């Protein structure tokens, strides 16, 4: 197990596996947000073609909420 210290005066080390886990969660969350954003953008294109104003505004609000 590899340990690093949080701060030179702090005696509680942070384990690298915890940092790796946090980083992995951040990467996964970003990938999920990016996927959903792309999905919404495709739906927005479709609603524009269909001229569905109500659905368009719903999608735009959802897009704002994940950005």
N, C-alpha and C. Protein backbone atom coordinates (compact mmCIF):
# COMPACT_ATOMS: atom_id res chain seq x y z
N UNK A 1 0.84 -1.18 0.00
CA UNK A 1 0.00 0.00 0.00
C UNK A 1 0.89 1.25 0.00
N UNK A 2 0.57 2.20 -0.85
CA UNK A 2 1.33 3.45 -0.93
C UNK A 2 0.57 4.52 -0.17
N UNK A 3 1.27 5.28 0.63
CA UNK A 3 0.66 6.35 1.40
C UNK A 3 1.31 7.68 1.03
N UNK A 4 0.50 8.72 1.05
CA UNK A 4 1.05 10.06 0.93
C UNK A 4 0.47 10.87 2.07
N UNK A 5 1.13 11.92 2.43
CA UNK A 5 0.62 12.76 3.50
C UNK A 5 -0.18 13.91 2.92
N UNK A 6 -1.28 14.27 3.63
CA UNK A 6 -2.11 15.39 3.22
C UNK A 6 -1.36 16.70 3.37
N UNK A 7 -0.68 16.83 4.45
CA UNK A 7 0.02 18.07 4.78
C UNK A 7 1.20 17.69 5.67
N UNK A 8 2.32 18.35 5.54
CA UNK A 8 3.49 17.97 6.33
C UNK A 8 3.24 17.94 7.84
N UNK A 9 2.35 18.76 8.35
CA UNK A 9 2.10 18.77 9.80
C UNK A 9 0.96 17.84 10.20
N UNK A 10 0.31 17.23 9.23
CA UNK A 10 -0.82 16.34 9.51
C UNK A 10 -0.30 14.91 9.61
N UNK A 11 -0.68 14.21 10.66
CA UNK A 11 -0.19 12.86 10.85
C UNK A 11 -1.10 11.81 10.21
N UNK A 12 -2.24 12.21 9.62
CA UNK A 12 -3.17 11.27 8.99
C UNK A 12 -2.88 11.18 7.49
N UNK A 13 -2.28 10.08 7.04
CA UNK A 13 -1.99 9.95 5.61
C UNK A 13 -3.26 9.60 4.81
N UNK A 14 -3.27 9.96 3.54
CA UNK A 14 -4.36 9.57 2.64
C UNK A 14 -3.86 8.37 1.85
N UNK A 15 -4.63 7.34 1.79
CA UNK A 15 -4.22 6.16 1.03
C UNK A 15 -4.44 6.41 -0.45
N UNK A 16 -3.50 5.97 -1.26
CA UNK A 16 -3.57 6.17 -2.70
C UNK A 16 -4.79 5.50 -3.31
N UNK A 17 -5.22 4.36 -2.76
CA UNK A 17 -6.38 3.69 -3.33
C UNK A 17 -7.65 4.52 -3.15
N UNK A 18 -7.72 5.29 -2.09
CA UNK A 18 -8.86 6.19 -1.89
C UNK A 18 -8.83 7.30 -2.92
N UNK A 19 -7.65 7.87 -3.15
CA UNK A 19 -7.52 8.91 -4.17
C UNK A 19 -7.85 8.37 -5.55
N UNK A 20 -7.39 7.16 -5.85
CA UNK A 20 -7.69 6.53 -7.13
C UNK A 20 -9.19 6.33 -7.29
N UNK A 21 -9.85 5.92 -6.23
CA UNK A 21 -11.29 5.71 -6.26
C UNK A 21 -12.04 7.02 -6.51
N UNK A 22 -11.62 8.07 -5.85
CA UNK A 22 -12.26 9.38 -6.03
C UNK A 22 -12.05 9.85 -7.47
N UNK A 23 -10.85 9.70 -7.98
CA UNK A 23 -10.56 10.10 -9.35
C UNK A 23 -11.39 9.30 -10.34
N UNK A 24 -11.49 7.99 -10.12
CA UNK A 24 -12.27 7.14 -11.02
C UNK A 24 -13.74 7.56 -11.02
N UNK A 25 -14.28 7.90 -9.86
CA UNK A 25 -15.67 8.36 -9.78
C UNK A 25 -15.85 9.67 -10.53
N UNK A 26 -14.88 10.55 -10.42
CA UNK A 26 -14.96 11.83 -11.14
C UNK A 26 -14.97 11.61 -12.64
N UNK A 27 -14.10 10.74 -13.12
CA UNK A 27 -14.01 10.44 -14.55
C UNK A 27 -15.31 9.81 -15.04
N UNK A 28 -15.83 8.86 -14.26
CA UNK A 28 -17.07 8.19 -14.63
C UNK A 28 -18.24 9.17 -14.66
N UNK A 29 -18.34 10.02 -13.65
CA UNK A 29 -19.42 11.01 -13.62
C UNK A 29 -19.35 11.96 -14.81
N UNK A 30 -18.15 12.36 -15.18
CA UNK A 30 -18.01 13.24 -16.35
C UNK A 30 -18.42 12.51 -17.62
N UNK A 31 -18.04 11.26 -17.75
CA UNK A 31 -18.40 10.48 -18.93
C UNK A 31 -19.93 10.33 -19.02
N UNK A 32 -20.57 10.10 -17.91
CA UNK A 32 -22.03 9.96 -17.89
C UNK A 32 -22.69 11.28 -18.27
N UNK A 33 -22.20 12.39 -17.70
CA UNK A 33 -22.76 13.72 -18.04
C UNK A 33 -22.57 14.03 -19.52
N UNK A 34 -21.37 13.74 -20.04
CA UNK A 34 -21.10 13.99 -21.46
C UNK A 34 -22.00 13.15 -22.35
N UNK A 35 -22.20 11.89 -21.98
CA UNK A 35 -23.07 11.01 -22.75
C UNK A 35 -24.50 11.55 -22.75
N UNK A 36 -24.99 11.93 -21.58
CA UNK A 36 -26.36 12.44 -21.48
C UNK A 36 -26.50 13.76 -22.24
N UNK A 37 -25.49 14.63 -22.14
CA UNK A 37 -25.52 15.89 -22.88
C UNK A 37 -25.63 15.64 -24.39
N UNK A 38 -24.82 14.72 -24.89
CA UNK A 38 -24.87 14.38 -26.31
C UNK A 38 -26.23 13.81 -26.70
N UNK A 39 -26.77 12.99 -25.82
CA UNK A 39 -28.08 12.40 -26.06
C UNK A 39 -29.16 13.49 -26.13
N UNK A 40 -29.11 14.42 -25.21
CA UNK A 40 -30.08 15.53 -25.20
C UNK A 40 -29.93 16.38 -26.45
N UNK A 41 -28.71 16.66 -26.85
CA UNK A 41 -28.48 17.47 -28.05
C UNK A 41 -29.06 16.80 -29.30
N UNK A 42 -28.94 15.47 -29.37
CA UNK A 42 -29.55 14.76 -30.50
C UNK A 42 -31.08 14.88 -30.45
N UNK A 43 -31.64 14.79 -29.24
CA UNK A 43 -33.08 14.94 -29.08
C UNK A 43 -33.53 16.36 -29.42
N UNK A 44 -32.71 17.34 -29.07
CA UNK A 44 -33.02 18.73 -29.41
C UNK A 44 -33.08 18.88 -30.93
N UNK A 45 -32.12 18.31 -31.62
CA UNK A 45 -32.13 18.36 -33.09
C UNK A 45 -33.42 17.76 -33.64
N UNK A 46 -33.80 16.64 -33.07
CA UNK A 46 -35.03 15.96 -33.52
C UNK A 46 -36.26 16.83 -33.27
N UNK A 47 -36.33 17.44 -32.09
CA UNK A 47 -37.50 18.28 -31.78
C UNK A 47 -37.54 19.51 -32.66
N UNK A 48 -36.38 20.02 -33.04
CA UNK A 48 -36.36 21.16 -33.96
C UNK A 48 -36.91 20.76 -35.33
N UNK A 49 -36.51 19.57 -35.79
CA UNK A 49 -37.04 19.08 -37.06
C UNK A 49 -38.55 18.88 -36.99
N UNK A 50 -39.03 18.42 -35.83
CA UNK A 50 -40.46 18.18 -35.64
C UNK A 50 -41.23 19.45 -35.27
N UNK A 51 -40.47 20.51 -35.00
CA UNK A 51 -41.06 21.78 -34.56
C UNK A 51 -41.89 21.62 -33.28
N UNK A 52 -41.34 20.81 -32.37
CA UNK A 52 -42.01 20.54 -31.10
C UNK A 52 -41.45 21.50 -30.04
N UNK A 53 -42.09 22.64 -29.92
CA UNK A 53 -41.61 23.72 -29.05
C UNK A 53 -41.59 23.30 -27.58
N UNK A 54 -42.64 22.63 -27.13
CA UNK A 54 -42.74 22.22 -25.71
C UNK A 54 -41.60 21.26 -25.34
N UNK A 55 -41.41 20.24 -26.16
CA UNK A 55 -40.33 19.27 -25.89
C UNK A 55 -38.97 19.95 -25.97
N UNK A 56 -38.80 20.87 -26.90
CA UNK A 56 -37.55 21.60 -27.05
C UNK A 56 -37.19 22.31 -25.74
N UNK A 57 -38.14 23.04 -25.17
CA UNK A 57 -37.86 23.77 -23.93
C UNK A 57 -37.62 22.83 -22.75
N UNK A 58 -38.30 21.69 -22.73
CA UNK A 58 -38.03 20.69 -21.68
C UNK A 58 -36.59 20.19 -21.76
N UNK A 59 -36.18 19.90 -22.97
CA UNK A 59 -34.81 19.40 -23.17
C UNK A 59 -33.76 20.45 -22.83
N UNK A 60 -34.03 21.69 -23.19
CA UNK A 60 -33.09 22.77 -22.88
C UNK A 60 -32.95 22.93 -21.36
N UNK A 61 -34.06 22.84 -20.64
CA UNK A 61 -33.99 22.90 -19.17
C UNK A 61 -33.19 21.74 -18.60
N UNK A 62 -33.38 20.55 -19.15
CA UNK A 62 -32.61 19.40 -18.69
C UNK A 62 -31.13 19.59 -19.00
N UNK A 63 -30.85 20.13 -20.16
CA UNK A 63 -29.46 20.39 -20.54
C UNK A 63 -28.82 21.38 -19.57
N UNK A 64 -29.55 22.43 -19.20
CA UNK A 64 -29.03 23.40 -18.24
C UNK A 64 -28.74 22.75 -16.90
N UNK A 65 -29.59 21.82 -16.49
CA UNK A 65 -29.44 21.20 -15.17
C UNK A 65 -28.22 20.28 -15.06
N UNK A 66 -27.78 19.74 -16.19
CA UNK A 66 -26.61 18.86 -16.12
C UNK A 66 -25.32 19.57 -16.46
N UNK A 67 -25.40 20.80 -16.90
CA UNK A 67 -24.19 21.55 -17.27
C UNK A 67 -23.57 22.21 -16.08
